[in-house]
């Protein structure tokens, strides 16, 4: 987000979730200011033009044109972002280059066809059930909240929840998204099998090595994992988790552009 537009978010508590989503999209993409119509903004953020007009009025503007004019004024100020000094760039840790190489390896496996299929799911489906165990639960929760911001019905569950929670609710959801580093966690596989049986589309995020969850999934995203063995090194610090966050954000960004 351009910090020159940050003041717009100060009244976020007065906005509905849909209104906040439209505002956040514009603050996160300042180059759109002055180049996007109210209808285009509504389409990108899955809201109505009336919602955007109400947003403008709640922020104290007569309508969309006055709101955009105000945004242009904010952006005309000098940004408060300090350029990094050459010394800072020259002293990046050696691991930085290794992590970048790992990210590049993962993104070589994320084909355009897979990205387009994910975008289609996000465009065409409204209800998502997400599941993760251990550390993977944190990232499933992250994706859940991102989907909720986009106005989707998204529910998160993990091993701490009763199996009956999933059995009772599976038919209500259209897409099952599982995050599992190993792809072999039995609780995750159990839910994925049920999801397949009730007709849900199964999406999986796992490490790139062959695994049972990947074989079950309708859409599988493989992530590079430099750990030699997931069980022995699951507690170790690797680029796998940061790979996962980057991938999630890329998929969501492409799907909502």
Protein backbone atom coordinates (compact mmCIF):
# COMPACT_ATOMS: atom_id res chain seq x y z
CA UNK A 1 0.00 0.00 0.00
CA UNK A 2 1.25 3.52 -0.81
CA UNK A 3 1.49 5.20 2.59
CA UNK A 4 0.20 8.47 1.11
CA UNK A 5 -3.23 6.81 0.86
CA UNK A 6 -3.10 5.40 4.39
CA UNK A 7 -5.32 8.17 5.87
CA UNK A 8 -8.22 6.79 3.84
CA UNK A 9 -8.22 3.63 5.93
CA UNK A 10 -8.50 5.47 9.25
CA UNK A 11 -12.31 5.27 9.12
CA UNK A 12 -12.37 1.58 8.25
CA UNK A 13 -14.47 0.73 11.29
CA UNK A 14 -17.39 2.61 9.73
CA UNK A 15 -17.30 0.55 6.53
CA UNK A 16 -18.90 -2.73 5.63
CA UNK A 17 -16.64 -5.59 4.55
CA UNK A 18 -17.50 -5.01 0.88
CA UNK A 19 -16.83 -1.26 1.14
CA UNK A 20 -13.51 -1.85 2.88
CA UNK A 21 -12.48 -4.37 0.20
CA UNK A 22 -13.03 -1.79 -2.55
CA UNK A 23 -11.12 0.87 -0.61
CA UNK A 24 -8.25 -1.48 0.21
CA UNK A 25 -7.92 -2.49 -3.46
CA UNK A 26 -7.49 1.12 -4.50
CA UNK A 27 -4.99 1.93 -1.74
CA UNK A 28 -2.97 -1.16 -2.63
CA UNK A 29 -2.93 -0.20 -6.34
CA UNK A 30 -2.35 3.59 -6.38
CA UNK A 31 -1.51 3.56 -10.10
CA UNK A 32 -5.19 2.85 -10.75
CA UNK A 33 -6.21 6.22 -9.30
CA UNK A 34 -7.58 8.34 -12.13
CA UNK A 35 -7.48 5.41 -14.55
CA UNK A 36 -10.26 3.18 -13.28
CA UNK A 37 -13.97 3.87 -13.50
CA UNK A 38 -16.42 3.15 -10.72
CA UNK A 39 -17.77 0.19 -12.73
CA UNK A 40 -14.29 -1.25 -13.27
CA UNK A 41 -13.47 -0.94 -9.57
CA UNK A 42 -16.76 -2.61 -8.68
CA UNK A 43 -16.03 -5.49 -11.04
CA UNK A 44 -12.52 -6.01 -9.71
CA UNK A 45 -13.62 -6.11 -6.09
CA UNK A 46 -16.84 -8.08 -6.56
CA UNK A 47 -19.11 -5.32 -5.29
CA UNK A 48 -21.82 -3.13 -6.80
CA UNK A 49 -21.32 0.44 -7.99
CA UNK A 50 -23.82 1.47 -5.32
CA UNK A 51 -21.49 0.02 -2.68
CA UNK A 52 -18.64 2.19 -3.93
CA UNK A 53 -20.84 5.29 -3.96
CA UNK A 54 -21.82 4.57 -0.33
CA UNK A 55 -18.13 4.13 0.50
CA UNK A 56 -17.34 7.56 -0.94
CA UNK A 57 -20.16 9.17 1.00
CA UNK A 58 -19.10 7.55 4.28
CA UNK A 59 -15.62 8.99 3.72
CA UNK A 60 -17.16 12.45 3.35
CA UNK A 61 -17.24 12.84 -0.42
CA UNK A 62 -20.21 13.63 -2.64
CA UNK A 63 -19.38 10.79 -4.99
CA UNK A 64 -16.72 8.79 -6.80
CA UNK A 65 -15.30 11.72 -8.80
CA UNK A 66 -14.62 13.82 -5.69
CA UNK A 67 -13.13 10.79 -3.95
CA UNK A 68 -10.73 10.15 -6.83
CA UNK A 69 -9.77 13.83 -6.93
CA UNK A 70 -8.90 13.64 -3.23
CA UNK A 71 -6.79 10.50 -3.86
CA UNK A 72 -4.88 12.35 -6.57
CA UNK A 73 -4.15 15.15 -4.14
CA UNK A 74 -2.80 12.69 -1.59
CA UNK A 75 -0.62 11.03 -4.22
CA UNK A 76 0.80 14.37 -5.32
CA UNK A 77 2.61 14.58 -1.98
CA UNK A 78 6.14 13.25 -1.75
CA UNK A 79 6.04 9.60 -0.61
CA UNK A 80 7.57 8.93 2.77
CA UNK A 81 9.62 5.96 1.60
CA UNK A 82 13.36 6.19 2.08
CA UNK A 83 15.51 4.66 -0.63
CA UNK A 84 17.88 1.95 0.62
CA UNK A 85 21.52 2.90 0.68
CA UNK A 86 23.98 0.95 -1.53
CA UNK A 87 25.61 -0.41 1.63
CA UNK A 88 22.33 -2.03 2.68
CA UNK A 89 21.96 -3.84 -0.63
CA UNK A 90 25.58 -4.98 -0.65
CA UNK A 91 25.27 -6.57 2.78
CA UNK A 92 22.30 -8.85 2.23
CA UNK A 93 22.82 -12.22 3.95
CA UNK A 94 24.18 -15.04 1.81
CA UNK A 95 20.99 -17.02 2.41
CA UNK A 96 18.99 -14.35 0.59
CA UNK A 97 20.26 -15.51 -2.81
CA UNK A 98 19.51 -19.15 -1.90
CA UNK A 99 15.96 -18.29 -0.86
CA UNK A 100 15.40 -16.35 -4.09
CA UNK A 101 16.63 -19.37 -6.07
CA UNK A 102 14.18 -21.57 -4.14
CA UNK A 103 11.31 -19.21 -4.90
CA UNK A 104 12.20 -19.27 -8.59
CA UNK A 105 12.19 -23.06 -8.57
CA UNK A 106 8.70 -23.17 -7.08
CA UNK A 107 7.33 -20.67 -9.56
CA UNK A 108 8.68 -22.69 -12.47
CA UNK A 109 6.20 -25.38 -11.42
CA UNK A 110 3.27 -22.98 -11.18
CA UNK A 111 2.09 -23.12 -14.78
CA UNK A 112 -0.20 -20.58 -16.38
CA UNK A 113 -2.80 -23.33 -16.77
CA UNK A 114 -2.81 -23.97 -13.01
CA UNK A 115 -3.02 -20.27 -12.23
CA UNK A 116 -5.93 -19.85 -14.63
CA UNK A 117 -7.75 -22.80 -13.06
CA UNK A 118 -7.34 -21.27 -9.61
CA UNK A 119 -8.59 -17.92 -10.91
CA UNK A 120 -11.63 -19.66 -12.40
CA UNK A 121 -12.41 -21.29 -9.04
CA UNK A 122 -12.18 -17.96 -7.28
CA UNK A 123 -14.38 -16.34 -9.90
CA UNK A 124 -17.02 -19.07 -10.17
CA UNK A 125 -17.23 -20.54 -6.66
CA UNK A 126 -18.47 -18.86 -3.49
CA UNK A 127 -17.85 -21.36 -0.67
CA UNK A 128 -14.47 -22.74 0.41
CA UNK A 129 -13.52 -25.19 3.19
CA UNK A 130 -9.84 -25.01 4.20
CA UNK A 131 -7.90 -27.51 6.27
CA UNK A 132 -4.39 -27.66 7.68
CA UNK A 133 -2.55 -29.36 10.51
CA UNK A 134 0.38 -28.11 12.58
CA UNK A 135 2.25 -25.21 10.97
CA UNK A 136 0.17 -25.72 7.84
CA UNK A 137 -2.91 -24.59 9.77
CA UNK A 138 -1.41 -21.09 10.05
CA UNK A 139 -1.17 -20.79 6.29
CA UNK A 140 -4.59 -22.29 5.69
CA UNK A 141 -5.92 -19.68 8.11
CA UNK A 142 -4.05 -16.94 6.22
CA UNK A 143 -5.68 -18.00 2.94
CA UNK A 144 -9.07 -18.28 4.66
CA UNK A 145 -8.95 -14.68 5.81
CA UNK A 146 -7.83 -13.51 2.37
CA UNK A 147 -10.80 -15.28 0.80
CA UNK A 148 -13.15 -13.74 3.36
CA UNK A 149 -11.85 -10.27 2.49
CA UNK A 150 -12.76 -11.05 -1.11
CA UNK A 151 -16.32 -11.73 0.03
CA UNK A 152 -16.16 -15.52 -0.18
CA UNK A 153 -17.68 -17.90 2.35
CA UNK A 154 -14.52 -19.51 3.73
CA UNK A 155 -14.28 -21.81 6.77
CA UNK A 156 -11.07 -23.09 8.39
CA UNK A 157 -10.71 -26.37 10.29
CA UNK A 158 -7.89 -28.44 11.73
CA UNK A 159 -7.16 -31.62 13.71
CA UNK A 160 -8.46 -30.01 16.89
CA UNK A 161 -11.96 -29.98 15.43
CA UNK A 162 -14.23 -32.97 15.48
CA UNK A 163 -14.41 -35.02 12.28
CA UNK A 164 -18.16 -34.55 12.45
CA UNK A 165 -17.73 -30.81 11.84
CA UNK A 166 -16.45 -31.58 8.38
CA UNK A 167 -18.94 -34.37 7.73
CA UNK A 168 -21.83 -32.09 8.73
CA UNK A 169 -20.71 -29.15 6.62
CA UNK A 170 -18.98 -30.67 3.58
CA UNK A 171 -22.06 -30.55 1.36
CA UNK A 172 -22.35 -26.79 1.91
CA UNK A 173 -18.96 -26.03 0.35
CA UNK A 174 -17.82 -26.17 -3.25
CA UNK A 175 -14.04 -26.17 -2.92
CA UNK A 176 -11.80 -27.97 -0.42
CA UNK A 177 -8.33 -26.44 0.00
CA UNK A 178 -5.74 -28.43 1.93
CA UNK A 179 -2.34 -27.20 3.05
CA UNK A 180 0.05 -29.99 4.00
CA UNK A 181 3.82 -29.82 3.72
CA UNK A 182 4.24 -33.58 3.58
CA UNK A 183 1.00 -34.39 1.78
CA UNK A 184 0.80 -37.49 3.97
CA UNK A 185 -0.97 -36.28 7.13
CA UNK A 186 -3.77 -38.77 7.67
CA UNK A 187 -6.30 -36.24 9.01
CA UNK A 188 -5.83 -34.15 5.87
CA UNK A 189 -6.10 -37.14 3.55
CA UNK A 190 -9.27 -38.27 5.31
CA UNK A 191 -10.96 -34.91 4.69
CA UNK A 192 -9.71 -34.76 1.10
CA UNK A 193 -11.24 -38.17 0.34
CA UNK A 194 -14.58 -37.10 1.82
CA UNK A 195 -14.45 -33.87 -0.18
CA UNK A 196 -13.91 -35.83 -3.40
CA UNK A 197 -16.80 -38.15 -2.57
CA UNK A 198 -19.27 -35.30 -2.08
CA UNK A 199 -18.22 -33.57 -5.30
CA UNK A 200 -16.03 -30.76 -3.97
CA UNK A 201 -13.07 -29.56 -6.04
CA UNK A 202 -9.89 -30.43 -4.12
CA UNK A 203 -6.98 -27.99 -4.21
CA UNK A 204 -3.71 -28.95 -2.47
CA UNK A 205 -0.56 -27.08 -1.49
CA UNK A 206 2.28 -29.51 -0.65
CA UNK A 207 6.01 -30.02 -1.09
CA UNK A 208 6.99 -31.03 -4.61
CA UNK A 209 7.93 -34.64 -3.91
CA UNK A 210 5.33 -37.30 -4.77
CA UNK A 211 2.71 -37.60 -2.04
CA UNK A 212 -0.78 -38.97 -1.44
CA UNK A 213 -2.56 -35.63 -1.17
CA UNK A 214 -1.16 -34.45 -4.50
CA UNK A 215 -2.51 -37.61 -6.13
CA UNK A 216 -5.99 -36.93 -4.70
CA UNK A 217 -6.14 -33.27 -5.70
CA UNK A 218 -7.91 -31.87 -8.73
CA UNK A 219 -5.46 -28.95 -8.65
CA UNK A 220 -2.06 -29.35 -7.00
CA UNK A 221 0.51 -26.64 -6.30
CA UNK A 222 3.96 -28.09 -5.66
CA UNK A 223 6.39 -26.05 -3.60
CA UNK A 224 10.14 -26.43 -3.52
CA UNK A 225 11.33 -27.73 -0.16
CA UNK A 226 15.05 -27.93 0.53
CA UNK A 227 14.52 -30.10 3.63
CA UNK A 228 15.78 -33.61 2.89
CA UNK A 229 13.04 -35.34 4.87
CA UNK A 230 9.87 -33.57 6.01
CA UNK A 231 9.48 -35.54 9.27
CA UNK A 232 13.09 -35.09 10.37
CA UNK A 233 13.30 -31.42 9.48
CA UNK A 234 9.74 -30.15 9.88
CA UNK A 235 10.82 -27.91 12.75
CA UNK A 236 13.78 -26.54 10.78
CA UNK A 237 13.72 -23.12 9.16
CA UNK A 238 13.62 -23.32 5.37
CA UNK A 239 12.16 -21.28 2.53
CA UNK A 240 9.11 -23.57 2.26
CA UNK A 241 6.80 -21.38 4.34
CA UNK A 242 7.81 -18.10 2.68
CA UNK A 243 7.44 -19.88 -0.68
CA UNK A 244 3.89 -20.74 0.34
CA UNK A 245 2.93 -17.19 1.29
CA UNK A 246 4.38 -15.80 -1.93
CA UNK A 247 2.47 -18.36 -3.96
CA UNK A 248 -0.82 -17.68 -2.18
CA UNK A 249 -0.51 -13.94 -2.72
CA UNK A 250 0.44 -14.36 -6.38
CA UNK A 251 -2.58 -16.59 -7.04
CA UNK A 252 -4.97 -14.20 -5.29
CA UNK A 253 -3.53 -11.16 -7.01
CA UNK A 254 -3.81 -12.71 -10.48
CA UNK A 255 -7.33 -13.92 -9.74
CA UNK A 256 -8.53 -10.44 -8.73
CA UNK A 257 -6.70 -8.29 -11.27
